[in-house]
Protein backbone atom coordinates (compact mmCIF):
# COMPACT_ATOMS: atom_id res chain seq x y z
CA MET A 1 -47.75 58.08 -48.25
CA HIS A 2 -47.08 56.50 -44.88
CA PRO A 3 -43.73 54.61 -44.92
CA PRO A 4 -44.75 51.85 -42.47
CA ASP A 5 -47.54 50.92 -44.89
CA LEU A 6 -45.15 50.46 -47.81
CA THR A 7 -43.51 47.20 -48.83
CA PRO A 8 -39.73 47.01 -49.25
CA VAL A 9 -40.29 46.93 -53.03
CA GLU A 10 -42.35 50.12 -52.91
CA ILE A 11 -39.72 51.82 -50.75
CA ALA A 12 -36.96 50.62 -53.09
CA ASP A 13 -38.83 52.10 -56.06
CA LEU A 14 -39.09 55.46 -54.28
CA LEU A 15 -35.42 55.35 -53.33
CA ASP A 16 -34.42 54.52 -56.89
CA ALA A 17 -36.45 57.45 -58.23
CA ALA A 18 -34.99 59.82 -55.61
CA TYR A 19 -31.44 58.60 -56.27
CA ARG A 20 -31.76 58.98 -60.03
CA GLN A 21 -33.23 62.45 -59.59
CA ASP A 22 -30.40 63.50 -57.25
CA ARG A 23 -27.81 62.21 -59.69
CA GLY A 24 -29.41 64.03 -62.64
CA LEU A 25 -30.41 60.82 -64.40
CA THR A 26 -34.10 61.80 -64.45
CA HIS A 27 -36.30 64.73 -63.54
CA ASP A 28 -38.97 62.56 -61.94
CA GLY A 29 -38.74 61.68 -58.29
CA PRO A 30 -40.62 61.88 -55.02
CA ASP A 31 -41.44 65.31 -53.64
CA LEU A 32 -39.67 66.78 -50.62
CA THR A 33 -42.34 65.66 -48.14
CA VAL A 34 -42.10 62.03 -49.26
CA ARG A 35 -38.30 62.17 -49.19
CA LEU A 36 -38.24 63.53 -45.64
CA GLU A 37 -40.75 60.98 -44.34
CA LEU A 38 -38.83 58.16 -45.97
CA ALA A 39 -35.42 59.38 -44.78
CA ASP A 40 -36.68 59.72 -41.20
CA TYR A 41 -38.40 56.35 -41.26
CA LEU A 42 -35.37 54.50 -42.61
CA GLY A 43 -33.10 56.25 -40.13
CA CYS A 44 -35.22 54.98 -37.24
CA HIS A 45 -35.69 51.49 -38.70
CA PRO A 46 -32.31 50.15 -39.84
CA GLU A 47 -33.76 46.68 -40.35
CA VAL A 48 -36.19 48.10 -42.92
CA GLN A 49 -33.35 50.05 -44.54
CA SER A 50 -31.29 46.87 -44.82
CA GLU A 51 -34.17 44.85 -46.25
CA THR A 52 -35.00 47.64 -48.69
CA TRP A 53 -31.36 47.91 -49.76
CA ASN A 54 -31.33 44.19 -50.57
CA VAL A 55 -34.46 44.59 -52.68
CA TRP A 56 -33.09 47.69 -54.40
CA GLN A 57 -29.89 45.84 -55.32
CA GLU A 58 -31.99 43.14 -56.97
CA LEU A 59 -34.01 45.77 -58.84
CA MET A 60 -30.83 47.46 -60.09
CA GLY A 61 -29.63 44.16 -61.46
CA ASP A 62 -26.50 43.49 -63.44
CA GLU A 63 -27.18 46.17 -66.05
CA GLU A 64 -26.28 48.95 -63.63
CA GLY A 65 -22.86 47.67 -62.62
CA ASP A 66 -20.90 47.82 -59.38
CA VAL A 67 -19.99 51.51 -59.67
CA LEU A 68 -23.63 52.62 -59.62
CA GLU A 69 -24.39 50.17 -56.83
CA ASP A 70 -21.51 51.52 -54.73
CA ASP A 71 -22.63 55.10 -55.35
CA ALA A 72 -26.25 54.19 -54.52
CA ALA A 73 -25.14 52.58 -51.24
CA PHE A 74 -23.17 55.70 -50.31
CA TRP A 75 -26.09 57.96 -51.28
CA LEU A 76 -28.52 55.91 -49.18
CA ASP A 77 -26.34 55.69 -46.08
CA VAL A 78 -24.69 59.12 -46.11
CA GLU A 79 -26.72 61.52 -48.21
CA PHE A 80 -30.32 60.35 -47.87
CA VAL A 81 -31.11 58.62 -44.58
CA GLU A 82 -31.48 60.89 -41.58
CA PRO A 83 -30.27 59.71 -38.17
CA CYS A 84 -33.06 58.84 -35.80
CA PRO A 85 -33.56 61.58 -33.22
CA ASP A 86 -32.93 60.48 -29.65
CA SER A 87 -36.15 59.73 -27.88
């Protein structure tokens, strides 16, 4: 997996799986290496993170509700994405 080669939909799918795993909603999710690569990449590319978030919201749809969406936004911004190291 190389994050720059992934589409926003593919990244959103990985994020959804990681989020659900972290919240105990499933046991399946990306391994630690994939998570770290993705967290670093999104931290250094906020435009990709924003685009991916928009796609992920669409994928969650109305069935998930605002509470899950708010928690997912917090998880993405605070718990998952790593700040880009200063170059």
